[in-house]
Amino acid sequence: MIIGAGFAGYECARRLSRQAGRAAEIVLLNPNDYFLYVPLLPEVATGILEPRRISVSLTGTLPGVHLVLGTAHDLDLDARQVHYTDPEGRAGSLSYDRLVLTVGSVNKLLPVPGVAEHAHGFRGMPEALFLRDHLTRQTELAGAAEDPEERSARTTFVVVGAGYTGTEVTAQGVRFTEALARQNTGLRHGPRPRWLLLDIADRLLPELDERLSRTAERVLRARGVDIRTGTSVKEATADGVLLDDGEFIATRSLLWCVGVRPDPLVESLGLPTDKGRLCVDAFLNVPGRPEVFACGDAAAVPDLTRPGEVTPMTAQHAQRQGKAVARNVAASCGRGTPRAYRHHDLGFMVDLGGIQAAANPLRIPLSGPLAGLVTRGYHLMAMPDNRVRVAADWLLDAVLPRQGVQLGLVSSWSVPLDTASPEVARVPGGAQGGG
């Protein structure tokens, strides 16, 4: 039984299905019928890629894996049962011999007044589709507004958090809104879209090499992004945000990208945790529970390359941990030998939109078009499917103008910041979307 089909869960299911064949029943419990390639989500939010390009079918790419659509809400570890709710609100339960928890993470919240009510996160497809409509809508409303202050507020976009997500959303967002403004008759004489990127750290991408940070800052500043380090939000309202330095920024768009926290399901288990992540050993096994494994963002995996620390919450680690846990689950059933998880980072890549990127593959610093080529090549190799479709969308975006239309599929109410399931849009009646 695998709970969650993110990078870790998907890779675990794929490896186990190849290893076990028909010798074992592999059940995958997930709210959606697709694996979401999250690194390209900013390109969906800004009209470069269509949503299905980065949504990989689970049933189409995981032969031999039994998919159950649902969200786990309770685990009875002693009875070895998982209780879940399906997309139509019906309750169900599943039994298991081995359990792999890869439930991932949700938006990280901070006790800032008004943020939960007025900010929007960026963790799942519903939030990306909402943002795509929201950016288009604000630009169109600004073009039709007669009040100069309203125009300015609607064309001002504030992003909090200059890590991977915030930096990439800003880099892609500023290009998207510039393209929308050029097409809008009411905005031909201004104002131009204004983007602010805030972080309490002293630089962009504080978790990465300083050279990547400098490259990203140079590219964003050249596009007119107002970067405010050492700065955060003190209060959010419907009309704007109050910064901790006392300045009020009038805006209708507050994007919350301050980081992630483990899925709340982990805390409900009553097992030892480390900053909300489930404690596991180097073999990705929960101590005292030989039948339970965990990896990815939900697990505090010892980093054997940095004694005393745990692996960071990145897709690179989650994917490789999925492979490792598949091997160790098979070993626990008598097939093969277990192996401790050990992985040295191979470098990082930050897509800055267009032909720009910052990358350090194998610790070799790159920037500009070469970094952009390497970054896109890496994404194509890392994706388990849809490579041709993604490449085709990239080609079309390079030669055709961006399409700025509202589809109205996801409302603001459907994607609250404090949701425990950012991968599922909320619908009236409390059931999950997609039914």
Protein backbone atom coordinates (compact mmCIF):
# COMPACT_ATOMS: atom_id res chain seq x y z
CA MET A 1 0.00 0.00 0.00
CA ILE A 2 1.47 3.32 -1.14
CA ILE A 3 -0.22 6.53 0.03
CA GLY A 4 0.53 9.46 -2.25
CA ALA A 5 1.68 9.68 -5.88
CA GLY A 6 4.18 12.50 -5.74
CA PHE A 7 7.79 12.02 -6.79
CA ALA A 8 8.50 9.46 -4.06
CA GLY A 9 5.22 7.55 -4.29
CA TYR A 10 5.17 7.41 -8.08
CA GLU A 11 8.76 6.18 -8.31
CA CYS A 12 8.16 3.60 -5.58
CA ALA A 13 5.08 2.24 -7.37
CA ARG A 14 6.89 2.10 -10.71
CA ARG A 15 9.91 0.27 -9.28
CA LEU A 16 7.84 -2.19 -7.27
CA SER A 17 5.62 -3.02 -10.23
CA ARG A 18 8.71 -3.82 -12.29
CA GLN A 19 10.33 -5.88 -9.52
CA ALA A 20 7.31 -7.78 -8.26
CA GLY A 21 5.36 -8.33 -11.47
CA ARG A 22 2.34 -10.40 -10.46
CA ALA A 23 3.98 -11.73 -7.30
CA ALA A 24 2.49 -8.93 -5.20
CA GLU A 25 -0.57 -6.71 -5.14
CA ILE A 26 0.45 -3.06 -5.26
CA VAL A 27 -2.21 -0.54 -4.25
CA LEU A 28 -1.71 3.20 -4.77
CA LEU A 29 -4.03 5.58 -2.89
CA ASN A 30 -4.07 9.12 -4.31
CA PRO A 31 -6.65 11.94 -4.62
CA ASN A 32 -6.03 12.30 -8.37
CA ASP A 33 -5.40 9.88 -11.21
CA TYR A 34 -2.15 11.59 -12.22
CA PHE A 35 1.39 12.26 -11.09
CA LEU A 36 2.05 16.00 -11.16
CA TYR A 37 5.47 17.13 -12.39
CA VAL A 38 5.60 20.08 -9.99
CA PRO A 39 8.81 21.78 -11.27
CA LEU A 40 6.94 22.89 -14.41
CA LEU A 41 3.85 24.13 -12.56
CA PRO A 42 4.86 27.82 -12.96
CA GLU A 43 4.72 27.34 -16.73
CA VAL A 44 1.12 26.13 -16.45
CA ALA A 45 0.23 29.16 -14.32
CA THR A 46 1.65 31.53 -16.94
CA GLY A 47 0.16 30.02 -20.08
CA ILE A 48 3.22 28.25 -21.51
CA LEU A 49 2.15 24.66 -20.88
CA GLU A 50 -1.32 23.19 -20.89
CA PRO A 51 -2.28 21.43 -17.62
CA ARG A 52 -2.28 17.89 -18.99
CA ARG A 53 1.29 18.25 -20.23
CA ILE A 54 2.66 17.89 -16.70
CA SER A 55 -0.07 15.51 -15.49
CA VAL A 56 1.14 11.94 -16.05
CA SER A 57 -1.58 9.27 -16.06
CA LEU A 58 -1.11 6.78 -13.21
CA THR A 59 -3.15 4.00 -14.81
CA GLY A 60 -1.45 4.59 -18.17
CA THR A 61 2.13 4.47 -16.89
CA LEU A 62 1.91 2.09 -13.91
CA PRO A 63 0.78 -1.27 -15.29
CA GLY A 64 0.03 -3.77 -12.57
CA VAL A 65 -0.65 -1.08 -9.95
CA HIS A 66 -4.18 -0.89 -8.54
CA LEU A 67 -5.14 2.79 -8.27
CA VAL A 68 -7.66 3.83 -5.62
CA LEU A 69 -8.85 7.44 -5.81
CA GLY A 70 -9.12 8.96 -2.36
CA THR A 71 -7.54 10.97 0.44
CA ALA A 72 -6.28 9.13 3.52
CA HIS A 73 -7.57 10.69 6.73
CA ASP A 74 -6.84 8.02 9.37
CA LEU A 75 -4.39 5.17 9.77
CA ASP A 76 -4.85 2.29 12.22
CA LEU A 77 -1.29 1.00 12.41
CA ASP A 78 -2.13 -1.87 14.79
CA ALA A 79 -4.96 -3.17 12.58
CA ARG A 80 -2.96 -2.31 9.42
CA GLN A 81 -5.82 -0.40 7.88
CA VAL A 82 -6.04 2.89 5.98
CA HIS A 83 -9.29 4.86 6.12
CA TYR A 84 -9.94 7.27 3.26
CA THR A 85 -12.56 9.40 1.54
CA ASP A 86 -13.08 9.16 -2.21
CA PRO A 87 -13.72 12.12 -4.59
CA GLU A 88 -17.49 11.76 -4.10
CA GLY A 89 -17.26 11.95 -0.32
CA ARG A 90 -17.73 8.24 0.34
CA ALA A 91 -15.71 6.57 3.11
CA GLY A 92 -13.63 3.46 2.52
CA SER A 93 -10.88 1.40 4.11
CA LEU A 94 -7.99 -0.69 2.82
CA SER A 95 -5.78 -3.30 4.47
CA TYR A 96 -2.05 -3.72 3.91
CA ASP A 97 0.94 -5.93 4.64
CA ARG A 98 3.48 -3.21 3.91
CA LEU A 99 2.77 0.51 4.03
CA VAL A 100 4.73 3.27 2.29
CA LEU A 101 3.82 6.81 3.37
CA THR A 102 4.63 9.40 0.71
CA VAL A 103 1.91 11.93 1.46
CA GLY A 104 4.11 14.92 0.62
CA SER A 105 3.62 18.45 1.90
CA VAL A 106 1.22 21.40 2.02
CA ASN A 107 1.63 25.19 2.17
CA LYS A 108 3.57 26.47 5.17
CA LEU A 109 1.57 28.96 7.21
CA LEU A 110 2.85 31.76 9.45
CA PRO A 111 0.81 33.70 12.03
CA VAL A 112 0.46 36.83 9.89
CA PRO A 113 -2.95 38.54 10.15
CA GLY A 114 -4.99 38.31 6.97
CA VAL A 115 -2.69 35.98 5.07
CA ALA A 116 -4.92 32.90 5.29
CA GLU A 117 -7.87 34.97 3.98
CA HIS A 118 -6.18 36.98 1.24
CA ALA A 119 -3.09 35.06 0.04
CA HIS A 120 -2.88 32.11 -2.32
CA GLY A 121 -0.37 29.28 -2.29
CA PHE A 122 1.25 27.36 -5.09
CA ARG A 123 1.40 23.62 -4.42
CA GLY A 124 -1.04 21.93 -6.79
CA MET A 125 -2.75 22.11 -10.15
CA PRO A 126 -5.90 23.88 -8.83
CA GLU A 127 -3.76 26.73 -7.46
CA ALA A 128 -1.86 27.03 -10.74
CA LEU A 129 -5.08 27.19 -12.76
CA PHE A 130 -6.51 29.76 -10.37
CA LEU A 131 -3.36 31.89 -10.66
CA ARG A 132 -3.45 31.73 -14.46
CA ASP A 133 -7.01 33.10 -14.45
CA HIS A 134 -6.25 35.59 -11.68
CA LEU A 135 -3.30 37.19 -13.46
CA THR A 136 -5.34 37.48 -16.65
CA ARG A 137 -8.38 38.84 -14.81
CA GLN A 138 -6.46 41.50 -12.90
CA THR A 139 -4.79 42.72 -16.09
CA GLU A 140 -8.12 42.94 -17.91
CA LEU A 141 -9.83 44.70 -14.99
CA ALA A 142 -6.93 47.16 -14.81
CA GLY A 143 -7.32 47.93 -18.50
CA ALA A 144 -10.99 48.73 -17.99
CA ALA A 145 -10.58 50.76 -14.77
CA GLU A 146 -10.79 54.56 -14.86
CA ASP A 147 -9.27 55.15 -11.41
CA PRO A 148 -5.43 55.34 -11.70
CA GLU A 149 -5.00 53.94 -8.16
CA GLU A 150 -7.15 50.93 -8.96
CA ARG A 151 -5.19 50.34 -12.15
CA SER A 152 -1.94 50.45 -10.22
CA ALA A 153 -3.19 48.06 -7.53
CA ARG A 154 -4.48 45.52 -10.04
CA THR A 155 -1.18 45.51 -11.94
CA THR A 156 0.90 45.07 -8.77
CA PHE A 157 1.78 41.50 -7.78
CA VAL A 158 3.45 40.60 -4.49
CA VAL A 159 5.24 37.27 -4.00
CA VAL A 160 6.37 36.31 -0.49
CA GLY A 161 9.20 33.78 -0.40
CA ALA A 162 12.25 33.84 -2.68
CA GLY A 163 13.02 30.14 -2.68
CA TYR A 164 12.58 27.87 -5.71
CA THR A 165 8.85 28.38 -6.10
CA GLY A 166 8.68 32.11 -5.43
CA THR A 167 11.61 32.90 -7.69
CA GLU A 168 10.30 30.82 -10.60
CA VAL A 169 6.71 32.07 -10.25
CA THR A 170 8.00 35.65 -10.28
CA ALA A 171 10.31 35.05 -13.24
CA GLN A 172 7.55 33.49 -15.33
CA GLY A 173 4.80 35.77 -13.99
CA VAL A 174 6.45 39.06 -14.94
CA ARG A 175 6.87 37.87 -18.56
CA PHE A 176 3.26 36.68 -18.69
CA THR A 177 1.73 39.89 -17.35
CA GLU A 178 3.95 42.02 -19.60
CA ALA A 179 2.63 40.08 -22.59
CA LEU A 180 -0.97 40.52 -21.39
CA ALA A 181 -0.46 44.27 -20.85
CA ARG A 182 0.96 44.74 -24.35
CA GLN A 183 -2.16 43.13 -25.81
CA ASN A 184 -4.55 45.26 -23.73
CA THR A 185 -5.62 48.53 -25.35
CA GLY A 186 -6.44 50.09 -21.98
CA LEU A 187 -2.89 49.55 -20.71
CA ARG A 188 -0.90 50.72 -23.71
CA HIS A 189 -0.04 53.93 -21.91
CA GLY A 190 0.62 52.26 -18.57
CA PRO A 191 1.00 51.37 -15.87
CA ARG A 192 3.30 48.47 -16.59
CA PRO A 193 2.90 45.39 -14.38
CA ARG A 194 4.87 45.67 -11.15
CA TRP A 195 6.21 42.60 -9.34
CA LEU A 196 7.64 42.55 -5.82
CA LEU A 197 9.55 39.55 -4.45
CA LEU A 198 9.96 39.54 -0.66
CA ASP A 199 11.98 37.33 1.66
CA ILE A 200 13.28 37.63 5.20
CA ALA A 201 16.60 36.10 4.08
CA ASP A 202 19.43 38.33 2.89
CA ARG A 203 19.38 36.97 -0.68
CA LEU A 204 17.31 35.09 -3.25
CA LEU A 205 17.41 31.29 -3.19
CA PRO A 206 19.08 31.23 0.25
CA GLU A 207 19.21 27.42 0.26
CA LEU A 208 21.26 27.27 -2.96
CA ASP A 209 24.75 28.21 -4.08
CA GLU A 210 25.36 31.96 -3.94
CA ARG A 211 26.26 32.07 -7.64
CA LEU A 212 22.79 30.81 -8.57
CA SER A 213 21.33 33.48 -6.33
CA ARG A 214 23.30 36.26 -8.02
CA THR A 215 22.29 35.05 -11.49
CA ALA A 216 18.61 34.92 -10.55
CA GLU A 217 18.72 38.38 -8.97
CA ARG A 218 20.43 39.88 -12.01
CA VAL A 219 17.82 38.43 -14.41
CA LEU A 220 14.83 39.46 -12.29
CA ARG A 221 16.09 42.99 -11.68
CA ALA A 222 16.67 43.38 -15.43
CA ARG A 223 12.96 42.59 -15.91
CA GLY A 224 11.98 45.27 -13.42
CA VAL A 225 11.23 43.03 -10.43
CA ASP A 226 11.42 44.90 -7.11
CA ILE A 227 13.40 42.51 -4.88
CA ARG A 228 13.12 43.19 -1.15
CA THR A 229 15.36 40.96 1.00
CA GLY A 230 15.19 41.16 4.78
CA THR A 231 11.52 42.07 4.36
CA SER A 232 8.23 40.30 4.96
CA VAL A 233 4.51 40.92 5.35
CA LYS A 234 3.14 42.24 8.64
CA GLU A 235 -0.53 42.17 7.63
CA ALA A 236 -2.61 41.38 4.56
CA THR A 237 -5.94 42.96 3.63
CA ALA A 238 -8.29 42.91 0.66
CA ASP A 239 -6.69 46.14 -0.57
CA GLY A 240 -3.02 45.28 -0.15
CA VAL A 241 -0.21 44.28 2.18
CA LEU A 242 1.53 46.07 5.03
CA LEU A 243 5.25 45.32 5.09
CA ASP A 244 7.22 44.98 8.30
CA ASP A 245 9.05 48.22 7.48
CA GLY A 246 5.75 50.13 7.62
CA GLU A 247 5.18 50.53 3.85
CA PHE A 248 1.73 49.66 2.47
CA ILE A 249 1.59 48.12 -1.01
CA ALA A 250 -1.78 48.40 -2.75
CA THR A 251 -2.40 45.11 -4.56
CA ARG A 252 -5.05 42.51 -5.34
CA SER A 253 -2.49 39.72 -5.69
CA LEU A 254 -0.59 38.17 -2.77
CA LEU A 255 1.19 34.91 -3.62
CA TRP A 256 2.42 32.92 -0.63
CA CYS A 257 5.53 30.86 -1.45
CA VAL A 258 7.32 30.81 1.93
CA GLY A 259 7.85 27.05 1.89
CA VAL A 260 6.08 23.84 2.76
CA ARG A 261 5.28 21.70 5.77
CA PRO A 262 4.61 17.94 5.92
CA ASP A 263 1.07 16.73 5.32
CA PRO A 264 -0.96 17.01 8.58
CA LEU A 265 -1.67 13.26 8.37
CA VAL A 266 1.88 12.63 9.66
CA GLU A 267 1.26 14.41 12.98
CA SER A 268 -1.97 12.47 13.53
CA LEU A 269 -0.13 9.12 13.63
CA GLY A 270 1.28 9.63 17.13
CA LEU A 271 4.74 8.51 16.00
CA PRO A 272 8.03 10.39 16.60
CA THR A 273 8.52 13.34 14.26
CA ASP A 274 11.25 15.84 13.48
CA LYS A 275 9.81 19.30 12.65
CA GLY A 276 6.61 17.62 11.52
CA ARG A 277 8.34 14.97 9.40
CA LEU A 278 8.01 11.29 10.34
CA CYS A 279 11.24 9.89 11.80
CA VAL A 280 12.70 6.99 9.82
CA ASP A 281 16.04 5.20 9.75
CA ALA A 282 18.55 5.13 6.90
CA PHE A 283 16.56 2.29 5.31
CA LEU A 284 13.43 4.51 5.23
CA ASN A 285 11.77 2.29 7.83
CA VAL A 286 9.78 3.65 10.79
CA PRO A 287 11.52 2.46 14.00
CA GLY A 288 9.40 -0.09 15.87
CA ARG A 289 7.16 -0.58 12.84
CA PRO A 290 8.95 -2.96 10.46
CA GLU A 291 5.96 -2.97 8.09
CA VAL A 292 5.83 0.84 7.74
CA PHE A 293 8.12 2.88 5.48
CA ALA A 294 8.11 6.58 4.67
CA CYS A 295 10.04 8.92 2.38
CA GLY A 296 9.81 12.22 0.51
CA ASP A 297 8.66 15.46 2.16
CA ALA A 298 6.72 13.56 4.82
CA ALA A 299 9.80 11.79 6.24
CA ALA A 300 12.87 12.97 8.12
CA VAL A 301 15.40 10.80 6.29
CA PRO A 302 18.93 10.78 7.76
CA ASP A 303 21.39 12.36 5.35
CA LEU A 304 24.35 10.01 5.37
CA THR A 305 26.38 12.50 3.34
CA ARG A 306 25.91 15.10 6.10
CA PRO A 307 25.92 13.28 9.47
CA GLY A 308 23.45 14.66 11.97
CA GLU A 309 21.19 16.25 9.35
CA VAL A 310 18.15 15.09 7.39
CA THR A 311 17.69 15.27 3.64
CA PRO A 312 16.06 18.48 2.35
CA MET A 313 12.52 18.49 0.96
CA THR A 314 13.38 18.44 -2.75
CA ALA A 315 12.07 16.52 -5.74
CA GLN A 316 15.58 15.20 -6.38
CA HIS A 317 15.69 13.44 -3.00
CA ALA A 318 12.04 12.34 -3.11
CA GLN A 319 12.44 10.62 -6.46
CA ARG A 320 15.58 8.77 -5.40
CA GLN A 321 14.09 7.82 -2.05
CA GLY A 322 11.15 6.32 -3.94
CA LYS A 323 13.56 4.02 -5.75
CA ALA A 324 15.33 3.11 -2.51
CA VAL A 325 12.17 2.38 -0.55
CA ALA A 326 10.90 0.12 -3.35
CA ARG A 327 14.07 -1.95 -3.05
CA ASN A 328 13.78 -2.13 0.75
CA VAL A 329 10.09 -3.04 0.71
CA ALA A 330 10.88 -5.88 -1.69
CA ALA A 331 13.74 -6.94 0.58
CA SER A 332 11.40 -7.03 3.57
CA CYS A 333 9.33 -9.56 1.61
CA GLY A 334 12.33 -11.76 0.93
CA ARG A 335 13.34 -10.46 -2.48
CA GLY A 336 16.77 -8.80 -2.60
CA THR A 337 18.75 -7.09 0.15
CA PRO A 338 17.98 -3.76 1.84
CA ARG A 339 20.19 -0.76 1.21
CA ALA A 340 20.59 2.46 3.19
CA TYR A 341 19.64 5.64 1.38
CA ARG A 342 22.60 7.78 0.40
CA HIS A 343 22.60 10.47 -2.28
CA HIS A 344 24.90 13.35 -3.10
CA ASP A 345 23.16 16.32 -4.70
CA LEU A 346 23.86 16.48 -8.43
CA GLY A 347 23.28 20.23 -8.59
CA PHE A 348 20.24 22.46 -8.93
CA MET A 349 18.46 24.30 -11.70
CA VAL A 350 16.19 27.35 -11.56
CA ASP A 351 14.12 28.17 -14.65
CA LEU A 352 13.93 31.96 -15.04
CA GLY A 353 11.69 32.01 -18.11
CA GLY A 354 12.46 32.42 -21.79
CA ILE A 355 16.02 31.34 -22.50
CA GLN A 356 17.25 32.32 -19.03
CA ALA A 357 18.08 29.96 -16.17
CA ALA A 358 20.58 29.44 -13.38
CA ALA A 359 22.08 25.99 -12.97
CA ASN A 360 25.05 24.14 -11.50
CA PRO A 361 24.90 20.57 -12.83
CA LEU A 362 27.70 18.49 -11.27
CA ARG A 363 28.74 21.73 -9.48
CA ILE A 364 29.51 23.52 -12.76
CA PRO A 365 27.92 27.01 -12.60
CA LEU A 366 25.94 27.97 -15.71
CA SER A 367 23.75 30.92 -16.65
CA GLY A 368 21.98 32.36 -19.69
CA PRO A 369 20.85 30.34 -22.72
CA LEU A 370 23.17 27.40 -21.96
CA ALA A 371 21.69 27.05 -18.48
CA GLY A 372 18.22 27.34 -20.02
CA LEU A 373 18.99 24.53 -22.47
CA VAL A 374 20.40 22.29 -19.73
CA THR A 375 17.42 22.98 -17.46
CA ARG A 376 14.84 22.12 -20.10
CA GLY A 377 16.81 19.05 -21.13
CA TYR A 378 16.87 17.87 -17.54
CA HIS A 379 13.10 18.32 -17.17
CA LEU A 380 12.43 16.33 -20.32
CA MET A 381 14.63 13.49 -19.07
CA ALA A 382 13.11 13.55 -15.58
CA MET A 383 9.51 13.43 -16.77
CA PRO A 384 8.14 9.88 -16.96
CA ASP A 385 5.85 10.70 -19.90
CA ASN A 386 4.46 13.53 -22.10
CA ARG A 387 7.92 14.66 -23.22
CA VAL A 388 6.93 15.31 -26.84
CA ARG A 389 3.85 17.28 -25.80
CA VAL A 390 5.90 19.46 -23.42
CA ALA A 391 8.56 20.10 -26.07
CA ALA A 392 5.83 21.00 -28.58
CA ASP A 393 4.30 23.55 -26.19
CA TRP A 394 7.74 25.09 -25.62
CA LEU A 395 8.23 25.40 -29.37
CA LEU A 396 4.80 26.99 -29.88
CA ASP A 397 5.44 29.45 -27.06
CA ALA A 398 8.68 30.51 -28.75
CA VAL A 399 6.98 31.43 -32.04
CA LEU A 400 3.40 32.38 -31.08
CA PRO A 401 2.01 35.07 -28.74
CA ARG A 402 0.85 33.96 -25.29
CA GLN A 403 -2.88 33.22 -24.97
CA GLY A 404 -4.51 35.35 -22.28
CA VAL A 405 -8.01 34.05 -21.60
CA GLN A 406 -9.89 33.22 -18.42
CA LEU A 407 -11.36 29.74 -18.25
CA GLY A 408 -13.04 30.30 -14.88
CA LEU A 409 -12.53 26.68 -13.81
CA VAL A 410 -11.17 27.34 -10.32
CA SER A 411 -12.48 30.05 -8.00
CA SER A 412 -10.59 31.77 -5.20
CA TRP A 413 -12.80 30.01 -2.65
CA SER A 414 -11.78 26.62 -4.02
CA VAL A 415 -8.07 27.03 -3.24
CA PRO A 416 -7.70 28.35 0.33
CA LEU A 417 -4.15 28.78 1.56
CA ASP A 418 -4.70 26.65 4.66
CA THR A 419 -6.01 23.57 2.84
CA ALA A 420 -4.58 20.18 3.80
CA SER A 421 -5.08 18.99 0.21
CA PRO A 422 -3.67 21.58 -2.24
CA GLU A 423 -3.85 19.00 -5.02
CA VAL A 424 -7.67 18.98 -4.86
CA ALA A 425 -9.96 21.96 -5.46
CA ARG A 426 -12.63 22.43 -2.80
CA VAL A 427 -16.24 22.21 -3.95
CA PRO A 428 -19.57 23.06 -2.26
CA GLY A 429 -20.74 20.42 0.20
CA GLY A 430 -17.27 19.56 1.48
CA ALA A 431 -16.48 16.77 -1.01
CA GLN A 432 -13.32 16.86 -3.09
CA GLY A 433 -13.32 18.05 -6.64
CA GLY A 434 -13.18 15.76 -9.61
CA GLY A 435 -16.28 13.70 -8.83
